[in-house]
Amino acid sequence: MDIFDPEKAYVAACDKGRSWSNQLVTWKKIVSYSNPW
């Protein structure tokens, strides 16, 4: 069993947040590209 490492948990959460925001940005680009108004 792994010892809980707050730093690792924080980094993992940041990675998750970053990938999520990247998906959001990509989605916004797709939406704005298909709706040029």
Protein backbone atom coordinates (compact mmCIF):
# COMPACT_ATOMS: atom_id res chain seq x y z
CA MET A 1 0.00 0.00 0.00
CA ASP A 2 1.26 3.43 -0.95
CA ILE A 3 1.93 6.02 1.72
CA PHE A 4 -0.21 9.07 1.03
CA ASP A 5 1.98 11.80 -0.42
CA PRO A 6 0.24 15.21 -0.48
CA GLU A 7 2.71 16.53 -3.04
CA LYS A 8 2.04 13.65 -5.43
CA ALA A 9 -1.68 14.02 -4.89
CA TYR A 10 -1.42 17.74 -5.63
CA VAL A 11 0.56 17.13 -8.82
CA ALA A 12 -1.95 14.49 -9.93
CA ALA A 13 -4.82 16.91 -9.29
CA CYS A 14 -3.03 19.62 -11.26
CA ASP A 15 -2.48 17.23 -14.17
CA LYS A 16 -6.16 16.31 -14.13
CA GLY A 17 -7.16 19.97 -14.03
CA ARG A 18 -4.78 20.83 -16.83
CA SER A 19 -6.01 18.08 -19.13
CA TRP A 20 -9.61 19.07 -18.33
CA SER A 21 -8.99 22.74 -19.17
CA ASN A 22 -7.16 21.68 -22.33
CA GLN A 23 -10.23 19.71 -23.39
CA LEU A 24 -12.37 22.75 -22.62
CA VAL A 25 -10.15 25.01 -24.75
CA THR A 26 -10.20 22.50 -27.60
CA TRP A 27 -13.97 22.25 -27.35
CA LYS A 28 -14.29 26.05 -27.39
CA LYS A 29 -12.08 26.21 -30.49
CA ILE A 30 -14.22 23.59 -32.24
CA VAL A 31 -17.43 25.42 -31.29
CA SER A 32 -16.14 28.84 -32.38
CA TYR A 33 -14.78 27.32 -35.60
CA SER A 34 -18.12 25.75 -36.53
CA ASN A 35 -19.97 28.93 -35.48
CA PRO A 36 -17.97 31.83 -36.99
CA TRP A 37 -20.34 34.46 -35.63
